Amino acid sequence: MFRLENLVPLGKKRKRIGRGGSRGGTSGKGHKGQKARSGGGIAIAFEGGQMPLYRRLPKRGFSNARFKNLIEIVNLSHLDKVFNDGETVSKETLMAKGIIKGKSSKGKFILKILGNGPLTKKLIISADRFSKTAIKIIKENGGQVIQESSS
């Protein structure tokens, strides 16, 4: 039976060097020098006093990452499982039911409905974007598509 006290370790224990004991006086750290001292070692980008590569290269360019839009995607099959016939689906109702998180840097996101899976209920769906398949399936079931302006 699995219990905390009789679990077998999955990997090999790491050798903890520099603790004295059975490995001799230098305890696996060689002889003297910066790397043998406690707290010794050098920074990962240190190049022996030479100007490091990250400082030699020019810093240029632009990143558009802070302006990107977060798109939350929901499939019709998921809406079919969660919502009842005749209900209204919006960003607020989806967040209340925990289907989407609605997190982004600015608190804004774009909701897109995709036509993946079956939809058997008549739903009124309000979203920023719809796929062509989703619009077709929603209207075939007598539902309504409300396209919000995504800003």
Protein backbone atom coordinates (compact mmCIF):
# COMPACT_ATOMS: atom_id res chain seq x y z
CA MET A 1 0.00 0.00 0.00
CA PHE A 2 1.25 3.48 -0.83
CA ARG A 3 2.02 5.49 2.27
CA LEU A 4 4.21 8.52 2.77
CA GLU A 5 6.67 6.61 4.95
CA ASN A 6 7.35 3.80 2.47
CA LEU A 7 7.63 5.62 -0.87
CA VAL A 8 10.65 4.74 -3.01
CA PRO A 9 12.56 7.75 -4.38
CA LEU A 10 12.31 8.15 -8.16
CA GLY A 11 15.75 9.62 -8.77
CA LYS A 12 19.26 9.56 -7.46
CA LYS A 13 20.10 11.87 -4.55
CA ARG A 14 22.31 14.79 -5.53
CA LYS A 15 25.83 14.90 -4.10
CA ARG A 16 26.02 17.82 -1.64
CA ILE A 17 29.60 18.94 -1.87
CA GLY A 18 31.50 21.25 0.45
CA ARG A 19 30.08 19.80 3.70
CA GLY A 20 33.23 18.13 5.08
CA GLY A 21 33.23 14.46 5.98
CA SER A 22 34.20 11.49 3.82
CA ARG A 23 35.40 13.30 0.69
CA GLY A 24 38.61 14.67 2.13
CA GLY A 25 39.67 18.13 3.22
CA THR A 26 38.54 20.01 0.14
CA SER A 27 35.29 18.03 -0.05
CA GLY A 28 34.93 17.90 -3.82
CA LYS A 29 35.63 21.59 -4.44
CA GLY A 30 39.21 21.29 -5.67
CA HIS A 31 41.94 23.48 -4.19
CA LYS A 32 41.36 27.10 -3.18
CA GLY A 33 40.12 29.77 -5.57
CA GLN A 34 36.87 31.67 -5.94
CA LYS A 35 34.75 28.62 -6.75
CA ALA A 36 35.98 26.77 -3.65
CA ARG A 37 34.80 29.47 -1.24
CA SER A 38 31.43 29.53 0.42
CA GLY A 39 29.13 31.76 -1.60
CA GLY A 40 31.73 31.72 -4.35
CA GLY A 41 31.04 31.53 -8.03
CA ILE A 42 30.55 33.92 -10.89
CA ALA A 43 27.54 35.39 -12.62
CA ILE A 44 26.15 33.40 -15.54
CA ALA A 45 27.05 36.12 -18.10
CA PHE A 46 30.48 36.92 -16.62
CA GLU A 47 33.25 36.75 -19.24
CA GLY A 48 36.33 37.31 -17.11
CA GLY A 49 36.09 41.08 -17.10
CA GLN A 50 35.60 41.34 -20.87
CA MET A 51 32.49 43.29 -21.84
CA PRO A 52 29.71 40.66 -21.83
CA LEU A 53 27.89 39.78 -25.03
CA TYR A 54 24.54 41.13 -23.85
CA ARG A 55 26.16 44.56 -23.36
CA ARG A 56 28.16 44.49 -26.61
CA LEU A 57 25.12 43.94 -28.84
CA PRO A 58 22.95 46.92 -29.78
CA LYS A 59 19.53 47.14 -28.21
CA ARG A 60 17.01 47.93 -30.92
CA GLY A 61 13.57 47.03 -32.02
CA PHE A 62 10.03 47.13 -30.82
CA SER A 63 7.75 44.58 -29.25
CA ASN A 64 4.03 44.71 -29.91
CA ALA A 65 3.28 42.34 -27.01
CA ARG A 66 1.77 44.96 -24.72
CA PHE A 67 -0.79 45.91 -27.38
CA LYS A 68 -1.93 42.39 -28.22
CA ASN A 69 -5.54 41.37 -27.76
CA LEU A 70 -6.39 38.36 -25.64
CA ILE A 71 -8.95 36.21 -27.44
CA GLU A 72 -11.09 33.84 -25.37
CA ILE A 73 -12.43 30.97 -27.49
CA VAL A 74 -15.60 29.02 -26.69
CA ASN A 75 -17.04 26.14 -28.73
CA LEU A 76 -20.76 25.64 -29.30
CA SER A 77 -20.57 22.10 -27.86
CA HIS A 78 -19.48 23.60 -24.52
CA LEU A 79 -22.33 26.12 -24.55
CA ASP A 80 -24.76 23.28 -25.28
CA LYS A 81 -23.68 21.45 -22.10
CA VAL A 82 -23.72 24.47 -19.77
CA PHE A 83 -26.69 26.62 -20.85
CA ASN A 84 -30.40 25.79 -20.94
CA ASP A 85 -32.79 26.37 -23.86
CA GLY A 86 -33.63 30.06 -24.40
CA GLU A 87 -30.86 31.46 -22.19
CA THR A 88 -28.70 34.46 -23.09
CA VAL A 89 -24.96 33.87 -23.44
CA SER A 90 -22.64 36.84 -22.89
CA LYS A 91 -19.17 37.57 -21.51
CA GLU A 92 -20.64 38.14 -18.03
CA THR A 93 -22.63 34.87 -17.96
CA LEU A 94 -19.64 32.90 -19.26
CA MET A 95 -17.39 34.36 -16.54
CA ALA A 96 -20.04 33.71 -13.88
CA LYS A 97 -20.23 30.03 -14.88
CA GLY A 98 -16.43 29.76 -14.97
CA ILE A 99 -16.12 28.90 -18.67
CA ILE A 100 -13.79 31.82 -19.41
CA LYS A 101 -11.43 33.67 -17.09
CA GLY A 102 -11.46 37.03 -18.86
CA LYS A 103 -7.98 37.99 -17.68
CA SER A 104 -5.67 40.25 -19.60
CA SER A 105 -3.29 43.10 -18.89
CA LYS A 106 -5.94 45.76 -19.51
CA GLY A 107 -8.93 43.77 -18.29
CA LYS A 108 -10.25 43.64 -21.86
CA PHE A 109 -10.57 40.55 -24.00
CA ILE A 110 -12.27 39.44 -27.19
CA LEU A 111 -14.81 36.63 -27.03
CA LYS A 112 -14.96 34.41 -30.11
CA ILE A 113 -17.53 31.64 -30.59
CA LEU A 114 -16.46 28.70 -32.76
CA GLY A 115 -18.81 26.21 -34.42
CA ASN A 116 -17.13 23.08 -33.07
CA GLY A 117 -19.54 20.39 -31.92
CA PRO A 118 -23.32 20.10 -31.93
CA LEU A 119 -25.76 22.70 -30.62
CA THR A 120 -29.27 21.46 -29.84
CA LYS A 121 -30.61 24.44 -27.89
CA LYS A 122 -32.00 27.80 -28.93
CA LEU A 123 -29.58 30.33 -27.45
CA ILE A 124 -29.18 34.10 -27.73
CA ILE A 125 -25.42 34.55 -28.01
CA SER A 126 -23.69 37.91 -27.64
CA ALA A 127 -19.97 37.97 -28.51
CA ASP A 128 -17.30 40.03 -30.26
CA ARG A 129 -16.59 37.51 -33.02
CA PHE A 130 -18.22 34.41 -34.50
CA SER A 131 -16.98 31.86 -36.99
CA LYS A 132 -19.13 31.38 -40.11
CA THR A 133 -19.93 27.82 -39.02
CA ALA A 134 -21.03 29.01 -35.58
CA ILE A 135 -23.41 31.62 -37.05
CA LYS A 136 -24.91 29.00 -39.37
CA ILE A 137 -25.46 26.43 -36.57
CA ILE A 138 -26.91 28.99 -34.12
CA LYS A 139 -29.41 30.28 -36.70
CA GLU A 140 -30.38 26.72 -37.77
CA ASN A 141 -31.42 26.03 -34.16
CA GLY A 142 -33.53 29.20 -33.98
CA GLY A 143 -31.01 31.09 -31.92
CA GLN A 144 -29.89 34.67 -32.23
CA VAL A 145 -26.41 36.12 -32.93
CA ILE A 146 -25.58 39.52 -31.45
CA GLN A 147 -22.23 40.88 -32.63
CA GLU A 148 -20.69 43.35 -30.20
CA SER A 149 -18.17 45.92 -31.33
CA SER A 150 -14.71 44.81 -30.17
CA SER A 151 -12.61 47.79 -29.15
